Amino acid sequence: MLYTTPAFIEKNPRTTQALVNAFVRGLGWMQSHSSEEIARLMPEEYALGDRELYGRSIRNSLPTYSPDGRFSREGAEIAHRVLRTFDPAVGSAAFDLAKTYTEAFVDKAPAGRN
């Protein structure tokens, strides 16, 4: 899930679309590769000295990723609750998630499978 301000999207629609395209492509790639393949491509320091454990952590977390970049409204609400906890700007902001959540950029993204 990506979040930004409407002003950024309005000023940078091509950048926003390019970023969403990259995420969708990456998510598709992740769906078609093993956790071991993903782990091998990540920087060594991400494994914190235990490549096997790192590979298992990737395998266990893969189901939490959207395969195509889509995010349900319920998922967006959960993400919003989590962000409110960790980001004071989100926590103090008053907005209607239903009016700010969109899949418009995902709808325009090319399919992510490689």
PDB file of N, CA and C in Angstrom:
ATOM      1  N   MET A   1       0.844  -1.165   0.000  1.00  0.00           N
ATOM      2  CA  MET A   1       0.000   0.000   0.000  1.00  0.00           C
ATOM      3  C   MET A   1       0.895   1.235   0.000  1.00  0.00           C
ATOM      4  N   LEU A   2       0.571   2.136  -0.842  1.00  0.00           N
ATOM      5  CA  LEU A   2       1.260   3.417  -0.886  1.00  0.00           C
ATOM      6  C   LEU A   2       0.318   4.489  -0.382  1.00  0.00           C
ATOM      7  N   TYR A   3       0.874   5.439   0.313  1.00  0.00           N
ATOM      8  CA  TYR A   3       0.034   6.573   0.670  1.00  0.00           C
ATOM      9  C   TYR A   3       0.822   7.856   0.473  1.00  0.00           C
ATOM     10  N   THR A   4       0.104   8.871   0.048  1.00  0.00           N
ATOM     11  CA  THR A   4       0.693  10.176  -0.200  1.00  0.00           C
ATOM     12  C   THR A   4      -0.417  11.220  -0.107  1.00  0.00           C
ATOM     13  N   THR A   5      -0.048  12.440  -0.329  1.00  0.00           N
ATOM     14  CA  THR A   5      -1.049  13.505  -0.282  1.00  0.00           C
ATOM     15  C   THR A   5      -1.695  13.685  -1.649  1.00  0.00           C
ATOM     16  N   PRO A   6      -2.924  14.143  -1.672  1.00  0.00           N
ATOM     17  CA  PRO A   6      -3.553  14.451  -2.956  1.00  0.00           C
ATOM     18  C   PRO A   6      -2.744  15.490  -3.744  1.00  0.00           C
ATOM     19  N   ALA A   7      -2.127  16.424  -3.030  1.00  0.00           N
ATOM     20  CA  ALA A   7      -1.324  17.448  -3.716  1.00  0.00           C
ATOM     21  C   ALA A   7      -0.153  16.819  -4.469  1.00  0.00           C
ATOM     22  N   PHE A   8       0.499  15.825  -3.874  1.00  0.00           N
ATOM     23  CA  PHE A   8       1.614  15.166  -4.557  1.00  0.00           C
ATOM     24  C   PHE A   8       1.114  14.456  -5.810  1.00  0.00           C
ATOM     25  N   ILE A   9       0.010  13.729  -5.673  1.00  0.00           N
ATOM     26  CA  ILE A   9      -0.535  13.002  -6.824  1.00  0.00           C
ATOM     27  C   ILE A   9      -0.929  13.970  -7.930  1.00  0.00           C
ATOM     28  N   GLU A  10      -1.579  15.063  -7.564  1.00  0.00           N
ATOM     29  CA  GLU A  10      -2.006  16.052  -8.554  1.00  0.00           C
ATOM     30  C   GLU A  10      -0.811  16.673  -9.271  1.00  0.00           C
ATOM     31  N   LYS A  11       0.238  16.939  -8.532  1.00  0.00           N
ATOM     32  CA  LYS A  11       1.423  17.560  -9.113  1.00  0.00           C
ATOM     33  C   LYS A  11       2.296  16.549  -9.868  1.00  0.00           C
ATOM     34  N   ASN A  12       2.241  15.273  -9.469  1.00  0.00           N
ATOM     35  CA  ASN A  12       3.137  14.250 -10.017  1.00  0.00           C
ATOM     36  C   ASN A  12       2.396  12.987 -10.461  1.00  0.00           C
ATOM     37  N   PRO A  13       1.404  13.085 -11.330  1.00  0.00           N
ATOM     38  CA  PRO A  13       0.648  11.886 -11.693  1.00  0.00           C
ATOM     39  C   PRO A  13       1.497  10.840 -12.416  1.00  0.00           C
ATOM     40  N   ARG A  14       2.437  11.263 -13.236  1.00  0.00           N
ATOM     41  CA  ARG A  14       3.283  10.292 -13.953  1.00  0.00           C
ATOM     42  C   ARG A  14       4.226   9.566 -12.990  1.00  0.00           C
ATOM     43  N   THR A  15       4.770  10.298 -12.037  1.00  0.00           N
ATOM     44  CA  THR A  15       5.629   9.678 -11.033  1.00  0.00           C
ATOM     45  C   THR A  15       4.823   8.701 -10.188  1.00  0.00           C
ATOM     46  N   THR A  16       3.629   9.104  -9.794  1.00  0.00           N
ATOM     47  CA  THR A  16       2.762   8.234  -9.015  1.00  0.00           C
ATOM     48  C   THR A  16       2.453   6.962  -9.789  1.00  0.00           C
ATOM     49  N   GLN A  17       2.105   7.095 -11.071  1.00  0.00           N
ATOM     50  CA  GLN A  17       1.798   5.919 -11.881  1.00  0.00           C
ATOM     51  C   GLN A  17       3.021   5.031 -12.046  1.00  0.00           C
ATOM     52  N   ALA A  18       4.180   5.628 -12.252  1.00  0.00           N
ATOM     53  CA  ALA A  18       5.411   4.841 -12.409  1.00  0.00           C
ATOM     54  C   ALA A  18       5.727   4.059 -11.142  1.00  0.00           C
ATOM     55  N   LEU A  19       5.521   4.675 -10.005  1.00  0.00           N
ATOM     56  CA  LEU A  19       5.767   3.996  -8.737  1.00  0.00           C
ATOM     57  C   LEU A  19       4.799   2.836  -8.548  1.00  0.00           C
ATOM     58  N   VAL A  20       3.526   3.061  -8.831  1.00  0.00           N
ATOM     59  CA  VAL A  20       2.534   1.986  -8.726  1.00  0.00           C
ATOM     60  C   VAL A  20       2.868   0.874  -9.718  1.00  0.00           C
ATOM     61  N   ASN A  21       3.246   1.227 -10.928  1.00  0.00           N
ATOM     62  CA  ASN A  21       3.634   0.212 -11.918  1.00  0.00           C
ATOM     63  C   ASN A  21       4.771  -0.653 -11.394  1.00  0.00           C
ATOM     64  N   ALA A  22       5.766  -0.017 -10.770  1.00  0.00           N
ATOM     65  CA  ALA A  22       6.912  -0.761 -10.236  1.00  0.00           C
ATOM     66  C   ALA A  22       6.477  -1.695  -9.110  1.00  0.00           C
ATOM     67  N   PHE A  23       5.603  -1.215  -8.242  1.00  0.00           N
ATOM     68  CA  PHE A  23       5.112  -2.072  -7.164  1.00  0.00           C
ATOM     69  C   PHE A  23       4.332  -3.257  -7.711  1.00  0.00           C
ATOM     70  N   VAL A  24       3.448  -3.018  -8.665  1.00  0.00           N
ATOM     71  CA  VAL A  24       2.653  -4.102  -9.245  1.00  0.00           C
ATOM     72  C   VAL A  24       3.562  -5.120  -9.928  1.00  0.00           C
ATOM     73  N   ARG A  25       4.543  -4.635 -10.656  1.00  0.00           N
ATOM     74  CA  ARG A  25       5.483  -5.545 -11.320  1.00  0.00           C
ATOM     75  C   ARG A  25       6.265  -6.355 -10.282  1.00  0.00           C
ATOM     76  N   GLY A  26       6.737  -5.702  -9.228  1.00  0.00           N
ATOM     77  CA  GLY A  26       7.463  -6.403  -8.167  1.00  0.00           C
ATOM     78  C   GLY A  26       6.613  -7.436  -7.465  1.00  0.00           C
ATOM     79  N   LEU A  27       5.363  -7.093  -7.175  1.00  0.00           N
ATOM     80  CA  LEU A  27       4.459  -8.046  -6.535  1.00  0.00           C
ATOM     81  C   LEU A  27       4.212  -9.254  -7.431  1.00  0.00           C
ATOM     82  N   GLY A  28       4.043  -9.014  -8.718  1.00  0.00           N
ATOM     83  CA  GLY A  28       3.873 -10.124  -9.661  1.00  0.00           C
ATOM     84  C   GLY A  28       5.100 -11.002  -9.711  1.00  0.00           C
ATOM     85  N   TRP A  29       6.269 -10.377  -9.705  1.00  0.00           N
ATOM     86  CA  TRP A  29       7.521 -11.138  -9.724  1.00  0.00           C
ATOM     87  C   TRP A  29       7.626 -12.013  -8.477  1.00  0.00           C
ATOM     88  N   MET A  30       7.262 -11.436  -7.335  1.00  0.00           N
ATOM     89  CA  MET A  30       7.332 -12.199  -6.086  1.00  0.00           C
ATOM     90  C   MET A  30       6.428 -13.429  -6.127  1.00  0.00           C
ATOM     91  N   GLN A  31       5.288 -13.324  -6.797  1.00  0.00           N
ATOM     92  CA  GLN A  31       4.355 -14.447  -6.879  1.00  0.00           C
ATOM     93  C   GLN A  31       4.908 -15.601  -7.714  1.00  0.00           C
ATOM     94  N   SER A  32       5.824 -15.294  -8.605  1.00  0.00           N
ATOM     95  CA  SER A  32       6.328 -16.326  -9.516  1.00  0.00           C
ATOM     96  C   SER A  32       7.743 -16.786  -9.173  1.00  0.00           C
ATOM     97  N   HIS A  33       8.247 -16.432  -8.008  1.00  0.00           N
ATOM     98  CA  HIS A  33       9.581 -16.844  -7.581  1.00  0.00           C
ATOM     99  C   HIS A  33       9.533 -17.356  -6.145  1.00  0.00           C
ATOM    100  N   SER A  34      10.454 -18.246  -5.843  1.00  0.00           N
ATOM    101  CA  SER A  34      10.489 -18.828  -4.503  1.00  0.00           C
ATOM    102  C   SER A  34      11.074 -17.839  -3.502  1.00  0.00           C
ATOM    103  N   SER A  35      10.789 -18.093  -2.244  1.00  0.00           N
ATOM    104  CA  SER A  35      11.342 -17.238  -1.192  1.00  0.00           C
ATOM    105  C   SER A  35      12.867 -17.294  -1.200  1.00  0.00           C
ATOM    106  N   GLU A  36      13.431 -18.439  -1.562  1.00  0.00           N
ATOM    107  CA  GLU A  36      14.883 -18.568  -1.639  1.00  0.00           C
ATOM    108  C   GLU A  36      15.448 -17.682  -2.755  1.00  0.00           C
ATOM    109  N   GLU A  37      14.746 -17.634  -3.899  1.00  0.00           N
ATOM    110  CA  GLU A  37      15.188 -16.760  -4.996  1.00  0.00           C
ATOM    111  C   GLU A  37      15.118 -15.296  -4.585  1.00  0.00           C
ATOM    112  N   ILE A  38      14.051 -14.943  -3.902  1.00  0.00           N
ATOM    113  CA  ILE A  38      13.900 -13.558  -3.448  1.00  0.00           C
ATOM    114  C   ILE A  38      15.018 -13.221  -2.467  1.00  0.00           C
ATOM    115  N   ALA A  39      15.268 -14.109  -1.516  1.00  0.00           N
ATOM    116  CA  ALA A  39      16.306 -13.873  -0.497  1.00  0.00           C
ATOM    117  C   ALA A  39      17.672 -13.695  -1.135  1.00  0.00           C
ATOM    118  N   ARG A  40      17.971 -14.479  -2.166  1.00  0.00           N
ATOM    119  CA  ARG A  40      19.281 -14.381  -2.826  1.00  0.00           C
ATOM    120  C   ARG A  40      19.500 -13.024  -3.476  1.00  0.00           C
ATOM    121  N   LEU A  41      18.421 -12.372  -3.903  1.00  0.00           N
ATOM    122  CA  LEU A  41      18.553 -11.078  -4.566  1.00  0.00           C
ATOM    123  C   LEU A  41      18.612  -9.892  -3.602  1.00  0.00           C
ATOM    124  N   MET A  42      18.285 -10.125  -2.370  1.00  0.00           N
ATOM    125  CA  MET A  42      18.278  -9.044  -1.387  1.00  0.00           C
ATOM    126  C   MET A  42      19.695  -8.811  -0.870  1.00  0.00           C
ATOM    127  N   PRO A  43      19.963  -7.599  -0.405  1.00  0.00           N
ATOM    128  CA  PRO A  43      21.296  -7.325   0.164  1.00  0.00           C
ATOM    129  C   PRO A  43      21.614  -8.275   1.314  1.00  0.00           C
ATOM    130  N   GLU A  44      22.847  -8.729   1.376  1.00  0.00           N
ATOM    131  CA  GLU A  44      23.293  -9.689   2.393  1.00  0.00           C
ATOM    132  C   GLU A  44      22.949  -9.237   3.811  1.00  0.00           C
ATOM    133  N   GLU A  45      23.077  -7.936   4.079  1.00  0.00           N
ATOM    134  CA  GLU A  45      22.834  -7.459   5.448  1.00  0.00           C
ATOM    135  C   GLU A  45      21.374  -7.628   5.879  1.00  0.00           C
ATOM    136  N   TYR A  46      20.453  -7.780   4.936  1.00  0.00           N
ATOM    137  CA  TYR A  46      19.058  -8.003   5.306  1.00  0.00           C
ATOM    138  C   TYR A  46      18.886  -9.328   6.037  1.00  0.00           C
ATOM    139  N   ALA A  47      19.739 -10.304   5.733  1.00  0.00           N
ATOM    140  CA  ALA A  47      19.641 -11.624   6.347  1.00  0.00           C
ATOM    141  C   ALA A  47      20.191 -11.641   7.771  1.00  0.00           C
ATOM    142  N   LEU A  48      20.855 -10.595   8.181  1.00  0.00           N
ATOM    143  CA  LEU A  48      21.420 -10.498   9.537  1.00  0.00           C
ATOM    144  C   LEU A  48      22.230 -11.731   9.910  1.00  0.00           C
ATOM    145  N   GLY A  49      22.965 -12.264   8.920  1.00  0.00           N
ATOM    146  CA  GLY A  49      23.854 -13.388   9.178  1.00  0.00           C
ATOM    147  C   GLY A  49      23.203 -14.756   9.109  1.00  0.00           C
ATOM    148  N   ASP A  50      21.926 -14.831   8.818  1.00  0.00           N
ATOM    149  CA  ASP A  50      21.246 -16.132   8.759  1.00  0.00           C
ATOM    150  C   ASP A  50      20.358 -16.184   7.513  1.00  0.00           C
ATOM    151  N   ARG A  51      20.959 -16.540   6.391  1.00  0.00           N
ATOM    152  CA  ARG A  51      20.269 -16.550   5.103  1.00  0.00           C
ATOM    153  C   ARG A  51      19.084 -17.525   5.120  1.00  0.00           C
ATOM    154  N   GLU A  52      19.244 -18.685   5.774  1.00  0.00           N
ATOM    155  CA  GLU A  52      18.152 -19.663   5.816  1.00  0.00           C
ATOM    156  C   GLU A  52      16.942 -19.112   6.574  1.00  0.00           C
ATOM    157  N   LEU A  53      17.180 -18.507   7.728  1.00  0.00           N
ATOM    158  CA  LEU A  53      16.093 -17.917   8.498  1.00  0.00           C
ATOM    159  C   LEU A  53      15.443 -16.779   7.722  1.00  0.00           C
ATOM    160  N   TYR A  54      16.251 -15.997   7.038  1.00  0.00           N
ATOM    161  CA  TYR A  54      15.717 -14.897   6.232  1.00  0.00           C
ATOM    162  C   TYR A  54      14.801 -15.437   5.129  1.00  0.00           C
ATOM    163  N   GLY A  55      15.225 -16.505   4.470  1.00  0.00           N
ATOM    164  CA  GLY A  55      14.395 -17.126   3.436  1.00  0.00           C
ATOM    165  C   GLY A  55      13.070 -17.618   3.996  1.00  0.00           C
ATOM    166  N   ARG A  56      13.108 -18.208   5.183  1.00  0.00           N
ATOM    167  CA  ARG A  56      11.869 -18.676   5.826  1.00  0.00           C
ATOM    168  C   ARG A  56      10.966 -17.503   6.186  1.00  0.00           C
ATOM    169  N   SER A  57      11.565 -16.408   6.653  1.00  0.00           N
ATOM    170  CA  SER A  57      10.735 -15.254   7.011  1.00  0.00           C
ATOM    171  C   SER A  57      10.058 -14.682   5.769  1.00  0.00           C
ATOM    172  N   ILE A  58      10.745 -14.694   4.656  1.00  0.00           N
ATOM    173  CA  ILE A  58      10.125 -14.243   3.403  1.00  0.00           C
ATOM    174  C   ILE A  58       8.986 -15.192   3.023  1.00  0.00           C
ATOM    175  N   ARG A  59       9.244 -16.490   3.074  1.00  0.00           N
ATOM    176  CA  ARG A  59       8.214 -17.485   2.721  1.00  0.00           C
ATOM    177  C   ARG A  59       6.976 -17.302   3.601  1.00  0.00           C
ATOM    178  N   ASN A  60       7.188 -17.067   4.893  1.00  0.00           N
ATOM    179  CA  ASN A  60       6.058 -16.921   5.811  1.00  0.00           C
ATOM    180  C   ASN A  60       5.308 -15.610   5.622  1.00  0.00           C
ATOM    181  N   SER A  61       5.974 -14.593   5.101  1.00  0.00           N
ATOM    182  CA  SER A  61       5.296 -13.301   4.922  1.00  0.00           C
ATOM    183  C   SER A  61       4.695 -13.117   3.531  1.00  0.00           C
ATOM    184  N   LEU A  62       5.068 -13.959   2.559  1.00  0.00           N
ATOM    185  CA  LEU A  62       4.548 -13.802   1.196  1.00  0.00           C
ATOM    186  C   LEU A  62       3.021 -13.748   1.123  1.00  0.00           C
ATOM    187  N   PRO A  63       2.307 -14.559   1.907  1.00  0.00           N
ATOM    188  CA  PRO A  63       0.835 -14.482   1.823  1.00  0.00           C
ATOM    189  C   PRO A  63       0.257 -13.136   2.236  1.00  0.00           C
ATOM    190  N   THR A  64       1.023 -12.319   2.918  1.00  0.00           N
ATOM    191  CA  THR A  64       0.504 -11.018   3.347  1.00  0.00           C
ATOM    192  C   THR A  64       0.575  -9.975   2.244  1.00  0.00           C
ATOM    193  N   TYR A  65       1.271 -10.264   1.157  1.00  0.00           N
ATOM    194  CA  TYR A  65       1.414  -9.311   0.055  1.00  0.00           C
ATOM    195  C   TYR A  65       0.309  -9.511  -0.976  1.00  0.00           C
ATOM    196  N   SER A  66      -0.199  -8.426  -1.472  1.00  0.00           N
ATOM    197  CA  SER A  66      -1.179  -8.490  -2.551  1.00  0.00           C
ATOM    198  C   SER A  66      -0.486  -9.048  -3.793  1.00  0.00           C
ATOM    199  N   PRO A  67      -1.096 -10.006  -4.471  1.00  0.00           N
ATOM    200  CA  PRO A  67      -0.450 -10.542  -5.683  1.00  0.00           C
ATOM    201  C   PRO A  67      -0.510  -9.587  -6.871  1.00  0.00           C
ATOM    202  N   ASP A  68      -1.414  -8.612  -6.825  1.00  0.00           N
ATOM    203  CA  ASP A  68      -1.604  -7.749  -8.001  1.00  0.00           C
ATOM    204  C   ASP A  68      -1.669  -6.255  -7.664  1.00  0.00           C
ATOM    205  N   GLY A  69      -1.387  -5.907  -6.426  1.00  0.00           N
ATOM    206  CA  GLY A  69      -1.409  -4.509  -6.032  1.00  0.00           C
ATOM    207  C   GLY A  69      -2.748  -4.029  -5.507  1.00  0.00           C
ATOM    208  N   ARG A  70      -3.752  -4.870  -5.564  1.00  0.00           N
ATOM    209  CA  ARG A  70      -5.075  -4.470  -5.077  1.00  0.00           C
ATOM    210  C   ARG A  70      -5.129  -4.612  -3.561  1.00  0.00           C
ATOM    211  N   PHE A  71      -5.907  -3.765  -2.958  1.00  0.00           N
ATOM    212  CA  PHE A  71      -6.011  -3.694  -1.511  1.00  0.00           C
ATOM    213  C   PHE A  71      -7.482  -3.510  -1.193  1.00  0.00           C
ATOM    214  N   SER A  72      -8.056  -4.386  -0.405  1.00  0.00           N
ATOM    215  CA  SER A  72      -9.472  -4.248  -0.081  1.00  0.00           C
ATOM    216  C   SER A  72      -9.693  -3.012   0.792  1.00  0.00           C
ATOM    217  N   ARG A  73     -10.915  -2.550   0.814  1.00  0.00           N
ATOM    218  CA  ARG A  73     -11.251  -1.418   1.694  1.00  0.00           C
ATOM    219  C   ARG A  73     -10.943  -1.786   3.144  1.00  0.00           C
ATOM    220  N   GLU A  74     -11.272  -3.005   3.520  1.00  0.00           N
ATOM    221  CA  GLU A  74     -10.988  -3.452   4.884  1.00  0.00           C
ATOM    222  C   GLU A  74      -9.478  -3.428   5.142  1.00  0.00           C
ATOM    223  N   GLY A  75      -8.699  -3.880   4.169  1.00  0.00           N
ATOM    224  CA  GLY A  75      -7.247  -3.837   4.307  1.00  0.00           C
ATOM    225  C   GLY A  75      -6.735  -2.412   4.439  1.00  0.00           C
ATOM    226  N   ALA A  76      -7.324  -1.506   3.687  1.00  0.00           N
ATOM    227  CA  ALA A  76      -6.931  -0.100   3.777  1.00  0.00           C
ATOM    228  C   ALA A  76      -7.271   0.462   5.158  1.00  0.00           C
ATOM    229  N   GLU A  77      -8.407   0.067   5.711  1.00  0.00           N
ATOM    230  CA  GLU A  77      -8.790   0.534   7.044  1.00  0.00           C
ATOM    231  C   GLU A  77      -7.828   0.001   8.104  1.00  0.00           C
ATOM    232  N   ILE A  78      -7.430  -1.256   7.965  1.00  0.00           N
ATOM    233  CA  ILE A  78      -6.468  -1.832   8.915  1.00  0.00           C
ATOM    234  C   ILE A  78      -5.126  -1.109   8.806  1.00  0.00           C
ATOM    235  N   ALA A  79      -4.667  -0.886   7.575  1.00  0.00           N
ATOM    236  CA  ALA A  79      -3.403  -0.168   7.381  1.00  0.00           C
ATOM    237  C   ALA A  79      -3.489   1.232   7.979  1.00  0.00           C
ATOM    238  N   HIS A  80      -4.621   1.877   7.803  1.00  0.00           N
ATOM    239  CA  HIS A  80      -4.809   3.225   8.370  1.00  0.00           C
ATOM    240  C   HIS A  80      -4.707   3.190   9.890  1.00  0.00           C
ATOM    241  N   ARG A  81      -5.326   2.198  10.513  1.00  0.00           N
ATOM    242  CA  ARG A  81      -5.243   2.083  11.980  1.00  0.00           C
ATOM    243  C   ARG A  81      -3.800   1.871  12.435  1.00  0.00           C
ATOM    244  N   VAL A  82      -3.068   1.041  11.716  1.00  0.00           N
ATOM    245  CA  VAL A  82      -1.660   0.805  12.060  1.00  0.00           C
ATOM    246  C   VAL A  82      -0.846   2.088  11.876  1.00  0.00           C
ATOM    247  N   LEU A  83      -1.041   2.770  10.746  1.00  0.00           N
ATOM    248  CA  LEU A  83      -0.301   4.007  10.485  1.00  0.00           C
ATOM    249  C   LEU A  83      -0.605   5.077  11.530  1.00  0.00           C
ATOM    250  N   ARG A  84      -1.845   5.148  11.952  1.00  0.00           N
ATOM    251  CA  ARG A  84      -2.212   6.125  12.990  1.00  0.00           C
ATOM    252  C   ARG A  84      -1.415   5.896  14.261  1.00  0.00           C
ATOM    253  N   THR A  85      -1.107   4.643  14.535  1.00  0.00           N
ATOM    254  CA  THR A  85      -0.358   4.298  15.739  1.00  0.00           C
ATOM    255  C   THR A  85       1.091   4.756  15.655  1.00  0.00           C
ATOM    256  N   PHE A  86       1.676   4.664  14.457  1.00  0.00           N
ATOM    257  CA  PHE A  86       3.107   4.919  14.308  1.00  0.00           C
ATOM    258  C   PHE A  86       3.463   6.268  13.696  1.00  0.00           C
ATOM    259  N   ASP A  87       2.530   6.922  13.061  1.00  0.00           N
ATOM    260  CA  ASP A  87       2.824   8.184  12.388  1.00  0.00           C
ATOM    261  C   ASP A  87       1.949   9.278  12.979  1.00  0.00           C
ATOM    262  N   PRO A  88       2.528  10.174  13.770  1.00  0.00           N
ATOM    263  CA  PRO A  88       1.730  11.225  14.408  1.00  0.00           C
ATOM    264  C   PRO A  88       0.932  12.069  13.420  1.00  0.00           C
ATOM    265  N   ALA A  89       1.474  12.310  12.234  1.00  0.00           N
ATOM    266  CA  ALA A  89       0.748  13.113  11.244  1.00  0.00           C
ATOM    267  C   ALA A  89      -0.529  12.405  10.799  1.00  0.00           C
ATOM    268  N   VAL A  90      -0.460  11.093  10.647  1.00  0.00           N
ATOM    269  CA  VAL A  90      -1.650  10.322  10.267  1.00  0.00           C
ATOM    270  C   VAL A  90      -2.597  10.233  11.465  1.00  0.00           C
ATOM    271  N   GLY A  91      -2.021  10.035  12.646  1.00  0.00           N
ATOM    272  CA  GLY A  91      -2.833   9.904  13.851  1.00  0.00           C
ATOM    273  C   GLY A  91      -3.648  11.130  14.168  1.00  0.00           C
ATOM    274  N   SER A  92      -3.107  12.306  13.874  1.00  0.00           N
ATOM    275  CA  SER A  92      -3.827  13.539  14.201  1.00  0.00           C
ATOM    276  C   SER A  92      -4.669  14.059  13.037  1.00  0.00           C
ATOM    277  N   ALA A  93      -4.542  13.463  11.879  1.00  0.00           N
ATOM    278  CA  ALA A  93      -5.289  13.930  10.712  1.00  0.00           C
ATOM    279  C   ALA A  93      -6.725  13.413  10.752  1.00  0.00           C
ATOM    280  N   ALA A  94      -7.637  14.267  10.348  1.00  0.00           N
ATOM    281  CA  ALA A  94      -9.043  13.877  10.244  1.00  0.00           C
ATOM    282  C   ALA A  94      -9.392  13.788   8.765  1.00  0.00           C
ATOM    283  N   PHE A  95      -9.668  12.594   8.304  1.00  0.00           N
ATOM    284  CA  PHE A  95     -10.081  12.428   6.917  1.00  0.00           C
ATOM    285  C   PHE A  95     -10.929  11.178   6.779  1.00  0.00           C
ATOM    286  N   ASP A  96     -11.668  11.132   5.715  1.00  0.00           N
ATOM    287  CA  ASP A  96     -12.554  10.016   5.425  1.00  0.00           C
ATOM    288  C   ASP A  96     -11.819   9.063   4.490  1.00  0.00           C
ATOM    289  N   LEU A  97     -11.427   7.914   5.009  1.00  0.00           N
ATOM    290  CA  LEU A  97     -10.658   6.946   4.226  1.00  0.00           C
ATOM    291  C   LEU A  97     -11.394   6.550   2.943  1.00  0.00           C
ATOM    292  N   ALA A  98     -12.703   6.453   3.005  1.00  0.00           N
ATOM    293  CA  ALA A  98     -13.476   6.076   1.821  1.00  0.00           C
ATOM    294  C   ALA A  98     -13.331   7.087   0.691  1.00  0.00           C
ATOM    295  N   LYS A  99     -13.042   8.356   1.046  1.00  0.00           N
ATOM    296  CA  LYS A  99     -12.879   9.387   0.021  1.00  0.00           C
ATOM    297  C   LYS A  99     -11.440   9.507  -0.470  1.00  0.00           C
ATOM    298  N   THR A 100     -10.508   8.875   0.230  1.00  0.00           N
ATOM    299  CA  THR A 100      -9.102   9.023  -0.149  1.00  0.00           C
ATOM    300  C   THR A 100      -8.505   7.760  -0.749  1.00  0.00           C
ATOM    301  N   TYR A 101      -9.097   6.625  -0.499  1.00  0.00           N
ATOM    302  CA  TYR A 101      -8.595   5.347  -0.991  1.00  0.00           C
ATOM    303  C   TYR A 101      -8.975   5.183  -2.460  1.00  0.00           C
ATOM    304  N   THR A 102      -8.003   4.767  -3.276  1.00  0.00           N
ATOM    305  CA  THR A 102      -8.291   4.545  -4.691  1.00  0.00           C
ATOM    306  C   THR A 102      -7.416   3.436  -5.261  1.00  0.00           C
ATOM    307  N   GLU A 103      -7.951   2.740  -6.223  1.00  0.00           N
ATOM    308  CA  GLU A 103      -7.182   1.767  -6.996  1.00  0.00           C
ATOM    309  C   GLU A 103      -7.012   2.252  -8.427  1.00  0.00           C
ATOM    310  N   ALA A 104      -7.259   3.526  -8.667  1.00  0.00           N
ATOM    311  CA  ALA A 104      -7.199   4.074 -10.022  1.00  0.00           C
ATOM    312  C   ALA A 104      -5.842   3.847 -10.676  1.00  0.00           C
ATOM    313  N   PHE A 105      -4.765   3.984  -9.916  1.00  0.00           N
ATOM    314  CA  PHE A 105      -3.438   3.796 -10.505  1.00  0.00           C
ATOM    315  C   PHE A 105      -3.146   2.317 -10.731  1.00  0.00           C
ATOM    316  N   VAL A 106      -3.631   1.463  -9.826  1.00  0.00           N
ATOM    317  CA  VAL A 106      -3.462   0.020 -10.034  1.00  0.00           C
ATOM    318  C   VAL A 106      -4.235  -0.422 -11.268  1.00  0.00           C
ATOM    319  N   ASP A 107      -5.410   0.160 -11.475  1.00  0.00           N
ATOM    320  CA  ASP A 107      -6.214  -0.177 -12.652  1.00  0.00           C
ATOM    321  C   ASP A 107      -5.456   0.114 -13.960  1.00  0.00           C
ATOM    322  N   LYS A 108      -4.581   1.100 -13.945  1.00  0.00           N
ATOM    323  CA  LYS A 108      -3.826   1.483 -15.145  1.00  0.00           C
ATOM    324  C   LYS A 108      -2.487   0.766 -15.259  1.00  0.00           C
ATOM    325  N   ALA A 109      -2.075   0.072 -14.211  1.00  0.00           N
ATOM    326  CA  ALA A 109      -0.757  -0.576 -14.216  1.00  0.00           C
ATOM    327  C   ALA A 109      -0.775  -1.820 -15.096  1.00  0.00           C
ATOM    328  N   PRO A 110       0.314  -2.031 -15.839  1.00  0.00           N
ATOM    329  CA  PRO A 110       0.416  -3.275 -16.615  1.00  0.00           C
ATOM    330  C   PRO A 110       0.467  -4.460 -15.666  1.00  0.00           C
ATOM    331  N   ALA A 111       0.087  -5.632 -16.137  1.00  0.00           N
ATOM    332  CA  ALA A 111       0.140  -6.846 -15.335  1.00  0.00           C
ATOM    333  C   ALA A 111       1.550  -7.036 -14.805  1.00  0.00           C
ATOM    334  N   GLY A 112       1.661  -7.549 -13.592  1.00  0.00           N
ATOM    335  CA  GLY A 112       2.954  -7.621 -12.934  1.00  0.00           C
ATOM    336  C   GLY A 112       3.720  -8.909 -13.096  1.00  0.00           C
ATOM    337  N   ARG A 113       3.223  -9.877 -13.780  1.00  0.00           N
ATOM    338  CA  ARG A 113       3.938 -11.165 -13.885  1.00  0.00           C
ATOM    339  C   ARG A 113       5.087 -11.091 -14.879  1.00  0.00           C
ATOM    340  N   ASN A 114       6.186 -11.735 -14.506  1.00  0.00           N
ATOM    341  CA  ASN A 114       7.369 -11.828 -15.398  1.00  0.00           C
ATOM    342  C   ASN A 114       7.490 -13.224 -15.931  1.00  0.00           C
TER     343      ASN A 114
END
